[in-house]
Amino acid sequence: KFVKYGGYDIKGRKLNPPVSTGFNNTNKRDRNTTNICIIGRIHEDKGF
């Protein structure tokens, strides 16, 4: 997108943002139920 809209592509390297160590599986999920989670935002591009 950067290049498409006029940016340069010299030495542009990728650095993926990491997941914080605060996110992990606590092994407390109830497997007898099914719950859905979504982040709801009002901005149209978020697609809620």
ModelCIF file with pLDDT and N, C-alpha, C, O atoms, coordinates in Angstrom:
data_MODEL
#
_entry.id   MODEL 
#
_entity.id                         1 
_entity.type                       polymer 
_entity.pdbx_number_of_molecules   1 
#
_entity_poly.entity_id                      1 
_entity_poly.type                           'polypeptide(L)' 
_entity_poly.nstd_linkage                   no 
_entity_poly.nstd_monomer                   no 
_entity_poly.pdbx_seq_one_letter_code       KFVKYGGYDIKGRKLNPPVSTGFNNTNKRDRNTTNICIIGRIHEDKGF 
_entity_poly.pdbx_seq_one_letter_code_can   KFVKYGGYDIKGRKLNPPVSTGFNNTNKRDRNTTNICIIGRIHEDKGF 
_entity_poly.pdbx_strand_id                 A 
#
loop_
_entity_poly_seq.entity_id 
_entity_poly_seq.num 
_entity_poly_seq.mon_id 
_entity_poly_seq.hetero 
1 1  LYS n 
1 2  PHE n 
1 3  VAL n 
1 4  LYS n 
1 5  TYR n 
1 6  GLY n 
1 7  GLY n 
1 8  TYR n 
1 9  ASP n 
1 10 ILE n 
1 11 LYS n 
1 12 GLY n 
1 13 ARG n 
1 14 LYS n 
1 15 LEU n 
1 16 ASN n 
1 17 PRO n 
1 18 PRO n 
1 19 VAL n 
1 20 SER n 
1 21 THR n 
1 22 GLY n 
1 23 PHE n 
1 24 ASN n 
1 25 ASN n 
1 26 THR n 
1 27 ASN n 
1 28 LYS n 
1 29 ARG n 
1 30 ASP n 
1 31 ARG n 
1 32 ASN n 
1 33 THR n 
1 34 THR n 
1 35 ASN n 
1 36 ILE n 
1 37 CYS n 
1 38 ILE n 
1 39 ILE n 
1 40 GLY n 
1 41 ARG n 
1 42 ILE n 
1 43 HIS n 
1 44 GLU n 
1 45 ASP n 
1 46 LYS n 
1 47 GLY n 
1 48 PHE n 
#
_struct_asym.id          A 
_struct_asym.entity_id   1 
#
loop_
_ma_qa_metric.id 
_ma_qa_metric.mode 
_ma_qa_metric.name 
_ma_qa_metric.software_group_id 
_ma_qa_metric.type 
1 global pLDDT . pLDDT 
2 local  pLDDT . pLDDT 
#
_ma_qa_metric_global.metric_id      1 
_ma_qa_metric_global.metric_value   91.81 
_ma_qa_metric_global.model_id       1 
_ma_qa_metric_global.ordinal_id     1 
#
loop_
_ma_qa_metric_local.label_asym_id 
_ma_qa_metric_local.label_comp_id 
_ma_qa_metric_local.label_seq_id 
_ma_qa_metric_local.metric_id 
_ma_qa_metric_local.metric_value 
_ma_qa_metric_local.model_id 
_ma_qa_metric_local.ordinal_id 
A LYS 1  2 91.00 1 1  
A PHE 2  2 89.00 1 2  
A VAL 3  2 87.00 1 3  
A LYS 4  2 89.00 1 4  
A TYR 5  2 89.00 1 5  
A GLY 6  2 83.00 1 6  
A GLY 7  2 78.00 1 7  
A TYR 8  2 74.00 1 8  
A ASP 9  2 69.00 1 9  
A ILE 10 2 65.00 1 10 
A LYS 11 2 66.00 1 11 
A GLY 12 2 74.00 1 12 
A ARG 13 2 87.00 1 13 
A LYS 14 2 91.00 1 14 
A LEU 15 2 95.00 1 15 
A ASN 16 2 96.00 1 16 
A PRO 17 2 97.00 1 17 
A PRO 18 2 97.00 1 18 
A VAL 19 2 97.00 1 19 
A SER 20 2 96.00 1 20 
A THR 21 2 95.00 1 21 
A GLY 22 2 96.00 1 22 
A PHE 23 2 98.00 1 23 
A ASN 24 2 98.00 1 24 
A ASN 25 2 98.00 1 25 
A THR 26 2 97.00 1 26 
A ASN 27 2 94.00 1 27 
A LYS 28 2 92.00 1 28 
A ARG 29 2 93.00 1 29 
A ASP 30 2 94.00 1 30 
A ARG 31 2 89.00 1 31 
A ASN 32 2 93.00 1 32 
A THR 33 2 97.00 1 33 
A THR 34 2 98.00 1 34 
A ASN 35 2 98.00 1 35 
A ILE 36 2 98.00 1 36 
A CYS 37 2 98.00 1 37 
A ILE 38 2 98.00 1 38 
A ILE 39 2 98.00 1 39 
A GLY 40 2 98.00 1 40 
A ARG 41 2 97.00 1 41 
A ILE 42 2 97.00 1 42 
A HIS 43 2 97.00 1 43 
A GLU 44 2 97.00 1 44 
A ASP 45 2 96.00 1 45 
A LYS 46 2 97.00 1 46 
A GLY 47 2 98.00 1 47 
A PHE 48 2 98.00 1 48 
#
loop_
_atom_site.group_PDB 
_atom_site.id 
_atom_site.type_symbol 
_atom_site.label_atom_id 
_atom_site.label_alt_id 
_atom_site.label_comp_id 
_atom_site.label_asym_id 
_atom_site.label_entity_id 
_atom_site.label_seq_id 
_atom_site.pdbx_PDB_ins_code 
_atom_site.Cartn_x 
_atom_site.Cartn_y 
_atom_site.Cartn_z 
_atom_site.occupancy 
_atom_site.B_iso_or_equiv 
_atom_site.pdbx_formal_charge 
_atom_site.auth_seq_id 
_atom_site.auth_comp_id 
_atom_site.auth_asym_id 
_atom_site.auth_atom_id 
_atom_site.pdbx_PDB_model_num 
ATOM 1   N N  . LYS A 1 1  ? 0.825   -1.198  0.000  1.00 91.00 ? 1  LYS A N  1 
ATOM 2   C CA . LYS A 1 1  ? 0.000   0.000   0.000  1.00 91.00 ? 1  LYS A CA 1 
ATOM 3   C C  . LYS A 1 1  ? 0.868   1.261   0.000  1.00 91.00 ? 1  LYS A C  1 
ATOM 4   O O  . LYS A 1 1  ? 0.556   2.241   -0.677 1.00 91.00 ? 1  LYS A O  1 
ATOM 5   N N  . PHE A 1 2  ? 1.952   1.223   0.762  1.00 89.00 ? 2  PHE A N  1 
ATOM 6   C CA . PHE A 1 2  ? 2.866   2.358   0.848  1.00 89.00 ? 2  PHE A CA 1 
ATOM 7   C C  . PHE A 1 2  ? 3.465   2.677   -0.515 1.00 89.00 ? 2  PHE A C  1 
ATOM 8   O O  . PHE A 1 2  ? 3.520   3.837   -0.923 1.00 89.00 ? 2  PHE A O  1 
ATOM 9   N N  . VAL A 1 3  ? 3.911   1.644   -1.211 1.00 87.00 ? 3  VAL A N  1 
ATOM 10  C CA . VAL A 1 3  ? 4.494   1.833   -2.535 1.00 87.00 ? 3  VAL A CA 1 
ATOM 11  C C  . VAL A 1 3  ? 3.432   2.266   -3.541 1.00 87.00 ? 3  VAL A C  1 
ATOM 12  O O  . VAL A 1 3  ? 3.672   3.137   -4.377 1.00 87.00 ? 3  VAL A O  1 
ATOM 13  N N  . LYS A 1 4  ? 2.256   1.648   -3.449 1.00 89.00 ? 4  LYS A N  1 
ATOM 14  C CA . LYS A 1 4  ? 1.172   1.959   -4.382 1.00 89.00 ? 4  LYS A CA 1 
ATOM 15  C C  . LYS A 1 4  ? 0.796   3.433   -4.347 1.00 89.00 ? 4  LYS A C  1 
ATOM 16  O O  . LYS A 1 4  ? 0.498   4.029   -5.382 1.00 89.00 ? 4  LYS A O  1 
ATOM 17  N N  . TYR A 1 5  ? 0.809   4.007   -3.175 1.00 89.00 ? 5  TYR A N  1 
ATOM 18  C CA . TYR A 1 5  ? 0.365   5.397   -3.031 1.00 89.00 ? 5  TYR A CA 1 
ATOM 19  C C  . TYR A 1 5  ? 1.515   6.391   -2.976 1.00 89.00 ? 5  TYR A C  1 
ATOM 20  O O  . TYR A 1 5  ? 1.407   7.457   -2.369 1.00 89.00 ? 5  TYR A O  1 
ATOM 21  N N  . GLY A 1 6  ? 2.629   6.019   -3.627 1.00 83.00 ? 6  GLY A N  1 
ATOM 22  C CA . GLY A 1 6  ? 3.688   6.986   -3.842 1.00 83.00 ? 6  GLY A CA 1 
ATOM 23  C C  . GLY A 1 6  ? 4.912   6.862   -2.977 1.00 83.00 ? 6  GLY A C  1 
ATOM 24  O O  . GLY A 1 6  ? 5.836   7.665   -3.102 1.00 83.00 ? 6  GLY A O  1 
ATOM 25  N N  . GLY A 1 7  ? 4.946   5.873   -2.098 1.00 78.00 ? 7  GLY A N  1 
ATOM 26  C CA . GLY A 1 7  ? 6.123   5.703   -1.254 1.00 78.00 ? 7  GLY A CA 1 
ATOM 27  C C  . GLY A 1 7  ? 7.247   5.014   -1.997 1.00 78.00 ? 7  GLY A C  1 
ATOM 28  O O  . GLY A 1 7  ? 7.043   4.473   -3.085 1.00 78.00 ? 7  GLY A O  1 
ATOM 29  N N  . TYR A 1 8  ? 8.412   5.032   -1.421 1.00 74.00 ? 8  TYR A N  1 
ATOM 30  C CA . TYR A 1 8  ? 9.568   4.370   -2.019 1.00 74.00 ? 8  TYR A CA 1 
ATOM 31  C C  . TYR A 1 8  ? 9.730   2.982   -1.411 1.00 74.00 ? 8  TYR A C  1 
ATOM 32  O O  . TYR A 1 8  ? 9.235   2.711   -0.317 1.00 74.00 ? 8  TYR A O  1 
ATOM 33  N N  . ASP A 1 9  ? 10.412  2.126   -2.115 1.00 69.00 ? 9  ASP A N  1 
ATOM 34  C CA . ASP A 1 9  ? 10.577  0.742   -1.659 1.00 69.00 ? 9  ASP A CA 1 
ATOM 35  C C  . ASP A 1 9  ? 12.061  0.404   -1.570 1.00 69.00 ? 9  ASP A C  1 
ATOM 36  O O  . ASP A 1 9  ? 12.521  -0.585  -2.140 1.00 69.00 ? 9  ASP A O  1 
ATOM 37  N N  . ILE A 1 10 ? 12.784  1.224   -0.863 1.00 65.00 ? 10 ILE A N  1 
ATOM 38  C CA . ILE A 1 10 ? 14.216  1.013   -0.689 1.00 65.00 ? 10 ILE A CA 1 
ATOM 39  C C  . ILE A 1 10 ? 14.484  0.559   0.737  1.00 65.00 ? 10 ILE A C  1 
ATOM 40  O O  . ILE A 1 10 ? 14.192  1.278   1.693  1.00 65.00 ? 10 ILE A O  1 
ATOM 41  N N  . LYS A 1 11 ? 15.040  -0.631  0.873  1.00 66.00 ? 11 LYS A N  1 
ATOM 42  C CA . LYS A 1 11 ? 15.359  -1.208  2.177  1.00 66.00 ? 11 LYS A CA 1 
ATOM 43  C C  . LYS A 1 11 ? 14.164  -1.252  3.118  1.00 66.00 ? 11 LYS A C  1 
ATOM 44  O O  . LYS A 1 11 ? 14.318  -1.165  4.336  1.00 66.00 ? 11 LYS A O  1 
ATOM 45  N N  . GLY A 1 12 ? 13.000  -1.386  2.558  1.00 74.00 ? 12 GLY A N  1 
ATOM 46  C CA . GLY A 1 12 ? 11.821  -1.530  3.405  1.00 74.00 ? 12 GLY A CA 1 
ATOM 47  C C  . GLY A 1 12 ? 11.747  -2.946  3.922  1.00 74.00 ? 12 GLY A C  1 
ATOM 48  O O  . GLY A 1 12 ? 11.610  -3.890  3.144  1.00 74.00 ? 12 GLY A O  1 
ATOM 49  N N  . ARG A 1 13 ? 11.837  -3.104  5.222  1.00 87.00 ? 13 ARG A N  1 
ATOM 50  C CA . ARG A 1 13 ? 11.872  -4.441  5.813  1.00 87.00 ? 13 ARG A CA 1 
ATOM 51  C C  . ARG A 1 13 ? 10.659  -4.670  6.711  1.00 87.00 ? 13 ARG A C  1 
ATOM 52  O O  . ARG A 1 13 ? 10.028  -3.725  7.183  1.00 87.00 ? 13 ARG A O  1 
ATOM 53  N N  . LYS A 1 14 ? 10.352  -5.937  6.933  1.00 91.00 ? 14 LYS A N  1 
ATOM 54  C CA . LYS A 1 14 ? 9.167   -6.283  7.701  1.00 91.00 ? 14 LYS A CA 1 
ATOM 55  C C  . LYS A 1 14 ? 9.519   -6.575  9.149  1.00 91.00 ? 14 LYS A C  1 
ATOM 56  O O  . LYS A 1 14 ? 10.491  -7.272  9.440  1.00 91.00 ? 14 LYS A O  1 
ATOM 57  N N  . LEU A 1 15 ? 8.708   -6.027  10.057 1.00 95.00 ? 15 LEU A N  1 
ATOM 58  C CA . LEU A 1 15 ? 8.882   -6.279  11.479 1.00 95.00 ? 15 LEU A CA 1 
ATOM 59  C C  . LEU A 1 15 ? 7.492   -6.442  12.090 1.00 95.00 ? 15 LEU A C  1 
ATOM 60  O O  . LEU A 1 15 ? 6.847   -5.464  12.469 1.00 95.00 ? 15 LEU A O  1 
ATOM 61  N N  . ASN A 1 16 ? 7.043   -7.694  12.180 1.00 96.00 ? 16 ASN A N  1 
ATOM 62  C CA . ASN A 1 16 ? 5.700   -7.970  12.687 1.00 96.00 ? 16 ASN A CA 1 
ATOM 63  C C  . ASN A 1 16 ? 5.583   -7.617  14.167 1.00 96.00 ? 16 ASN A C  1 
ATOM 64  O O  . ASN A 1 16 ? 6.428   -8.030  14.961 1.00 96.00 ? 16 ASN A O  1 
ATOM 65  N N  . PRO A 1 17 ? 4.569   -6.872  14.550 1.00 97.00 ? 17 PRO A N  1 
ATOM 66  C CA . PRO A 1 17 ? 4.330   -6.606  15.977 1.00 97.00 ? 17 PRO A CA 1 
ATOM 67  C C  . PRO A 1 17 ? 4.133   -7.920  16.733 1.00 97.00 ? 17 PRO A C  1 
ATOM 68  O O  . PRO A 1 17 ? 3.495   -8.838  16.219 1.00 97.00 ? 17 PRO A O  1 
ATOM 69  N N  . PRO A 1 18 ? 4.673   -8.016  17.938 1.00 97.00 ? 18 PRO A N  1 
ATOM 70  C CA . PRO A 1 18 ? 4.562   -9.262  18.702 1.00 97.00 ? 18 PRO A CA 1 
ATOM 71  C C  . PRO A 1 18 ? 3.297   -9.316  19.547 1.00 97.00 ? 18 PRO A C  1 
ATOM 72  O O  . PRO A 1 18 ? 2.629   -8.304  19.760 1.00 97.00 ? 18 PRO A O  1 
ATOM 73  N N  . VAL A 1 19 ? 2.988   -10.495 20.014 1.00 97.00 ? 19 VAL A N  1 
ATOM 74  C CA . VAL A 1 19 ? 1.904   -10.678 20.974 1.00 97.00 ? 19 VAL A CA 1 
ATOM 75  C C  . VAL A 1 19 ? 2.482   -10.473 22.371 1.00 97.00 ? 19 VAL A C  1 
ATOM 76  O O  . VAL A 1 19 ? 3.515   -11.049 22.714 1.00 97.00 ? 19 VAL A O  1 
ATOM 77  N N  . SER A 1 20 ? 1.821   -9.661  23.163 1.00 96.00 ? 20 SER A N  1 
ATOM 78  C CA . SER A 1 20 ? 2.269   -9.437  24.530 1.00 96.00 ? 20 SER A CA 1 
ATOM 79  C C  . SER A 1 20 ? 2.253   -10.738 25.324 1.00 96.00 ? 20 SER A C  1 
ATOM 80  O O  . SER A 1 20 ? 1.400   -11.599 25.108 1.00 96.00 ? 20 SER A O  1 
ATOM 81  N N  . THR A 1 21 ? 3.202   -10.871 26.240 1.00 95.00 ? 21 THR A N  1 
ATOM 82  C CA . THR A 1 21 ? 3.252   -12.064 27.092 1.00 95.00 ? 21 THR A CA 1 
ATOM 83  C C  . THR A 1 21 ? 2.030   -12.165 27.994 1.00 95.00 ? 21 THR A C  1 
ATOM 84  O O  . THR A 1 21 ? 1.791   -13.199 28.618 1.00 95.00 ? 21 THR A O  1 
ATOM 85  N N  . GLY A 1 22 ? 1.259   -11.082 28.059 1.00 96.00 ? 22 GLY A N  1 
ATOM 86  C CA . GLY A 1 22 ? 0.046   -11.104 28.876 1.00 96.00 ? 22 GLY A CA 1 
ATOM 87  C C  . GLY A 1 22 ? -1.080  -11.930 28.290 1.00 96.00 ? 22 GLY A C  1 
ATOM 88  O O  . GLY A 1 22 ? -2.083  -12.181 28.958 1.00 96.00 ? 22 GLY A O  1 
ATOM 89  N N  . PHE A 1 23 ? -0.920  -12.358 27.030 1.00 98.00 ? 23 PHE A N  1 
ATOM 90  C CA . PHE A 1 23 ? -1.952  -13.175 26.388 1.00 98.00 ? 23 PHE A CA 1 
ATOM 91  C C  . PHE A 1 23 ? -1.508  -14.627 26.368 1.00 98.00 ? 23 PHE A C  1 
ATOM 92  O O  . PHE A 1 23 ? -0.482  -14.961 25.775 1.00 98.00 ? 23 PHE A O  1 
ATOM 93  N N  . ASN A 1 24 ? -2.277  -15.484 27.012 1.00 98.00 ? 24 ASN A N  1 
ATOM 94  C CA . ASN A 1 24 ? -1.931  -16.901 27.110 1.00 98.00 ? 24 ASN A CA 1 
ATOM 95  C C  . ASN A 1 24 ? -3.167  -17.706 27.463 1.00 98.00 ? 24 ASN A C  1 
ATOM 96  O O  . ASN A 1 24 ? -4.189  -17.163 27.881 1.00 98.00 ? 24 ASN A O  1 
ATOM 97  N N  . ASN A 1 25 ? -3.050  -19.004 27.287 1.00 98.00 ? 25 ASN A N  1 
ATOM 98  C CA . ASN A 1 25 ? -4.148  -19.919 27.589 1.00 98.00 ? 25 ASN A CA 1 
ATOM 99  C C  . ASN A 1 25 ? -4.088  -20.288 29.069 1.00 98.00 ? 25 ASN A C  1 
ATOM 100 O O  . ASN A 1 25 ? -3.125  -20.909 29.518 1.00 98.00 ? 25 ASN A O  1 
ATOM 101 N N  . THR A 1 26 ? -5.109  -19.909 29.820 1.00 97.00 ? 26 THR A N  1 
ATOM 102 C CA . THR A 1 26 ? -5.141  -20.195 31.252 1.00 97.00 ? 26 THR A CA 1 
ATOM 103 C C  . THR A 1 26 ? -5.730  -21.570 31.566 1.00 97.00 ? 26 THR A C  1 
ATOM 104 O O  . THR A 1 26 ? -5.800  -21.971 32.728 1.00 97.00 ? 26 THR A O  1 
ATOM 105 N N  . ASN A 1 27 ? -6.157  -22.294 30.515 1.00 94.00 ? 27 ASN A N  1 
ATOM 106 C CA . ASN A 1 27 ? -6.719  -23.646 30.661 1.00 94.00 ? 27 ASN A CA 1 
ATOM 107 C C  . ASN A 1 27 ? -7.955  -23.663 31.562 1.00 94.00 ? 27 ASN A C  1 
ATOM 108 O O  . ASN A 1 27 ? -8.201  -24.646 32.262 1.00 94.00 ? 27 ASN A O  1 
ATOM 109 N N  . LYS A 1 28 ? -8.726  -22.585 31.546 1.00 92.00 ? 28 LYS A N  1 
ATOM 110 C CA . LYS A 1 28 ? -9.950  -22.507 32.345 1.00 92.00 ? 28 LYS A CA 1 
ATOM 111 C C  . LYS A 1 28 ? -11.207 -22.467 31.475 1.00 92.00 ? 28 LYS A C  1 
ATOM 112 O O  . LYS A 1 28 ? -12.315 -22.282 31.979 1.00 92.00 ? 28 LYS A O  1 
ATOM 113 N N  . ARG A 1 29 ? -11.026 -22.641 30.183 1.00 93.00 ? 29 ARG A N  1 
ATOM 114 C CA . ARG A 1 29 ? -12.149 -22.565 29.246 1.00 93.00 ? 29 ARG A CA 1 
ATOM 115 C C  . ARG A 1 29 ? -13.091 -23.764 29.449 1.00 93.00 ? 29 ARG A C  1 
ATOM 116 O O  . ARG A 1 29 ? -12.649 -24.911 29.512 1.00 93.00 ? 29 ARG A O  1 
ATOM 117 N N  . ASP A 1 30 ? -14.376 -23.478 29.549 1.00 94.00 ? 30 ASP A N  1 
ATOM 118 C CA . ASP A 1 30 ? -15.380 -24.528 29.713 1.00 94.00 ? 30 ASP A CA 1 
ATOM 119 C C  . ASP A 1 30 ? -15.674 -25.153 28.356 1.00 94.00 ? 30 ASP A C  1 
ATOM 120 O O  . ASP A 1 30 ? -16.264 -24.511 27.487 1.00 94.00 ? 30 ASP A O  1 
ATOM 121 N N  . ARG A 1 31 ? -15.268 -26.389 28.178 1.00 89.00 ? 31 ARG A N  1 
ATOM 122 C CA . ARG A 1 31 ? -15.433 -27.059 26.884 1.00 89.00 ? 31 ARG A CA 1 
ATOM 123 C C  . ARG A 1 31 ? -16.858 -27.552 26.651 1.00 89.00 ? 31 ARG A C  1 
ATOM 124 O O  . ARG A 1 31 ? -17.173 -28.056 25.573 1.00 89.00 ? 31 ARG A O  1 
ATOM 125 N N  . ASN A 1 32 ? -17.711 -27.411 27.648 1.00 93.00 ? 32 ASN A N  1 
ATOM 126 C CA . ASN A 1 32 ? -19.102 -27.846 27.481 1.00 93.00 ? 32 ASN A CA 1 
ATOM 127 C C  . ASN A 1 32 ? -19.999 -26.731 26.965 1.00 93.00 ? 32 ASN A C  1 
ATOM 128 O O  . ASN A 1 32 ? -21.194 -26.935 26.752 1.00 93.00 ? 32 ASN A O  1 
ATOM 129 N N  . THR A 1 33 ? -19.422 -25.555 26.766 1.00 97.00 ? 33 THR A N  1 
ATOM 130 C CA . THR A 1 33 ? -20.181 -24.433 26.237 1.00 97.00 ? 33 THR A CA 1 
ATOM 131 C C  . THR A 1 33 ? -19.493 -23.911 24.976 1.00 97.00 ? 33 THR A C  1 
ATOM 132 O O  . THR A 1 33 ? -18.384 -24.329 24.645 1.00 97.00 ? 33 THR A O  1 
ATOM 133 N N  . THR A 1 34 ? -20.156 -23.006 24.286 1.00 98.00 ? 34 THR A N  1 
ATOM 134 C CA . THR A 1 34 ? -19.559 -22.332 23.133 1.00 98.00 ? 34 THR A CA 1 
ATOM 135 C C  . THR A 1 34 ? -19.878 -20.843 23.218 1.00 98.00 ? 34 THR A C  1 
ATOM 136 O O  . THR A 1 34 ? -21.027 -20.424 23.074 1.00 98.00 ? 34 THR A O  1 
ATOM 137 N N  . ASN A 1 35 ? -18.846 -20.067 23.452 1.00 98.00 ? 35 ASN A N  1 
ATOM 138 C CA . ASN A 1 35 ? -18.983 -18.619 23.550 1.00 98.00 ? 35 ASN A CA 1 
ATOM 139 C C  . ASN A 1 35 ? -18.234 -17.944 22.411 1.00 98.00 ? 35 ASN A C  1 
ATOM 140 O O  . ASN A 1 35 ? -17.127 -18.350 22.058 1.00 98.00 ? 35 ASN A O  1 
ATOM 141 N N  . ILE A 1 36 ? -18.837 -16.923 21.846 1.00 98.00 ? 36 ILE A N  1 
ATOM 142 C CA . ILE A 1 36 ? -18.236 -16.152 20.765 1.00 98.00 ? 36 ILE A CA 1 
ATOM 143 C C  . ILE A 1 36 ? -17.761 -14.812 21.314 1.00 98.00 ? 36 ILE A C  1 
ATOM 144 O O  . ILE A 1 36 ? -18.431 -14.193 22.139 1.00 98.00 ? 36 ILE A O  1 
ATOM 145 N N  . CYS A 1 37 ? -16.603 -14.377 20.848 1.00 98.00 ? 37 CYS A N  1 
ATOM 146 C CA . CYS A 1 37 ? -16.068 -13.080 21.258 1.00 98.00 ? 37 CYS A CA 1 
ATOM 147 C C  . CYS A 1 37 ? -15.720 -12.256 20.012 1.00 98.00 ? 37 CYS A C  1 
ATOM 148 O O  . CYS A 1 37 ? -15.187 -12.781 19.035 1.00 98.00 ? 37 CYS A O  1 
ATOM 149 N N  . ILE A 1 38 ? -16.027 -10.971 20.068 1.00 98.00 ? 38 ILE A N  1 
ATOM 150 C CA . ILE A 1 38 ? -15.690 -10.069 18.976 1.00 98.00 ? 38 ILE A CA 1 
ATOM 151 C C  . ILE A 1 38 ? -15.400 -8.693  19.558 1.00 98.00 ? 38 ILE A C  1 
ATOM 152 O O  . ILE A 1 38 ? -15.974 -8.309  20.577 1.00 98.00 ? 38 ILE A O  1 
ATOM 153 N N  . ILE A 1 39 ? -14.515 -7.960  18.912 1.00 98.00 ? 39 ILE A N  1 
ATOM 154 C CA . ILE A 1 39 ? -14.283 -6.573  19.288 1.00 98.00 ? 39 ILE A CA 1 
ATOM 155 C C  . ILE A 1 39 ? -15.183 -5.706  18.419 1.00 98.00 ? 39 ILE A C  1 
ATOM 156 O O  . ILE A 1 39 ? -15.019 -5.654  17.200 1.00 98.00 ? 39 ILE A O  1 
ATOM 157 N N  . GLY A 1 40 ? -16.127 -5.033  19.046 1.00 98.00 ? 40 GLY A N  1 
ATOM 158 C CA . GLY A 1 40 ? -17.090 -4.236  18.300 1.00 98.00 ? 40 GLY A CA 1 
ATOM 159 C C  . GLY A 1 40 ? -16.704 -2.767  18.285 1.00 98.00 ? 40 GLY A C  1 
ATOM 160 O O  . GLY A 1 40 ? -16.537 -2.155  19.340 1.00 98.00 ? 40 GLY A O  1 
ATOM 161 N N  . ARG A 1 41 ? -16.563 -2.205  17.105 1.00 97.00 ? 41 ARG A N  1 
ATOM 162 C CA . ARG A 1 41 ? -16.236 -0.789  16.952 1.00 97.00 ? 41 ARG A CA 1 
ATOM 163 C C  . ARG A 1 41 ? -17.248 -0.136  16.014 1.00 97.00 ? 41 ARG A C  1 
ATOM 164 O O  . ARG A 1 41 ? -17.839 -0.794  15.158 1.00 97.00 ? 41 ARG A O  1 
ATOM 165 N N  . ILE A 1 42 ? -17.434 1.167   16.193 1.00 97.00 ? 42 ILE A N  1 
ATOM 166 C CA . ILE A 1 42 ? -18.431 1.856   15.367 1.00 97.00 ? 42 ILE A CA 1 
ATOM 167 C C  . ILE A 1 42 ? -17.903 2.221   13.984 1.00 97.00 ? 42 ILE A C  1 
ATOM 168 O O  . ILE A 1 42 ? -18.696 2.455   13.072 1.00 97.00 ? 42 ILE A O  1 
ATOM 169 N N  . HIS A 1 43 ? -16.575 2.276   13.805 1.00 97.00 ? 43 HIS A N  1 
ATOM 170 C CA . HIS A 1 43 ? -16.020 2.649   12.503 1.00 97.00 ? 43 HIS A CA 1 
ATOM 171 C C  . HIS A 1 43 ? -16.424 1.603   11.459 1.00 97.00 ? 43 HIS A C  1 
ATOM 172 O O  . HIS A 1 43 ? -16.321 0.401   11.703 1.00 97.00 ? 43 HIS A O  1 
ATOM 173 N N  . GLU A 1 44 ? -16.877 2.064   10.316 1.00 97.00 ? 44 GLU A N  1 
ATOM 174 C CA . GLU A 1 44 ? -17.394 1.176   9.272  1.00 97.00 ? 44 GLU A CA 1 
ATOM 175 C C  . GLU A 1 44 ? -16.376 0.120   8.848  1.00 97.00 ? 44 GLU A C  1 
ATOM 176 O O  . GLU A 1 44 ? -16.741 -1.031  8.606  1.00 97.00 ? 44 GLU A O  1 
ATOM 177 N N  . ASP A 1 45 ? -15.098 0.504   8.755  1.00 96.00 ? 45 ASP A N  1 
ATOM 178 C CA . ASP A 1 45 ? -14.067 -0.432  8.297  1.00 96.00 ? 45 ASP A CA 1 
ATOM 179 C C  . ASP A 1 45 ? -13.845 -1.594  9.263  1.00 96.00 ? 45 ASP A C  1 
ATOM 180 O O  . ASP A 1 45 ? -13.254 -2.605  8.884  1.00 96.00 ? 45 ASP A O  1 
ATOM 181 N N  . LYS A 1 46 ? -14.310 -1.464  10.498 1.00 97.00 ? 46 LYS A N  1 
ATOM 182 C CA . LYS A 1 46 ? -14.140 -2.550  11.462 1.00 97.00 ? 46 LYS A CA 1 
ATOM 183 C C  . LYS A 1 46 ? -15.163 -3.660  11.259 1.00 97.00 ? 46 LYS A C  1 
ATOM 184 O O  . LYS A 1 46 ? -15.011 -4.754  11.801 1.00 97.00 ? 46 LYS A O  1 
ATOM 185 N N  . GLY A 1 47 ? -16.205 -3.380  10.479 1.00 98.00 ? 47 GLY A N  1 
ATOM 186 C CA . GLY A 1 47 ? -17.117 -4.434  10.036 1.00 98.00 ? 47 GLY A CA 1 
ATOM 187 C C  . GLY A 1 47 ? -18.030 -5.031  11.087 1.00 98.00 ? 47 GLY A C  1 
ATOM 188 O O  . GLY A 1 47 ? -18.537 -6.137  10.899 1.00 98.00 ? 47 GLY A O  1 
ATOM 189 N N  . PHE A 1 48 ? -18.254 -4.328  12.192 1.00 98.00 ? 48 PHE A N  1 
ATOM 190 C CA . PHE A 1 48 ? -19.126 -4.903  13.213 1.00 98.00 ? 48 PHE A CA 1 
ATOM 191 C C  . PHE A 1 48 ? -20.547 -5.099  12.683 1.00 98.00 ? 48 PHE A C  1 
ATOM 192 O O  . PHE A 1 48 ? -21.418 -5.575  13.412 1.00 98.00 ? 48 PHE A O  1 
#
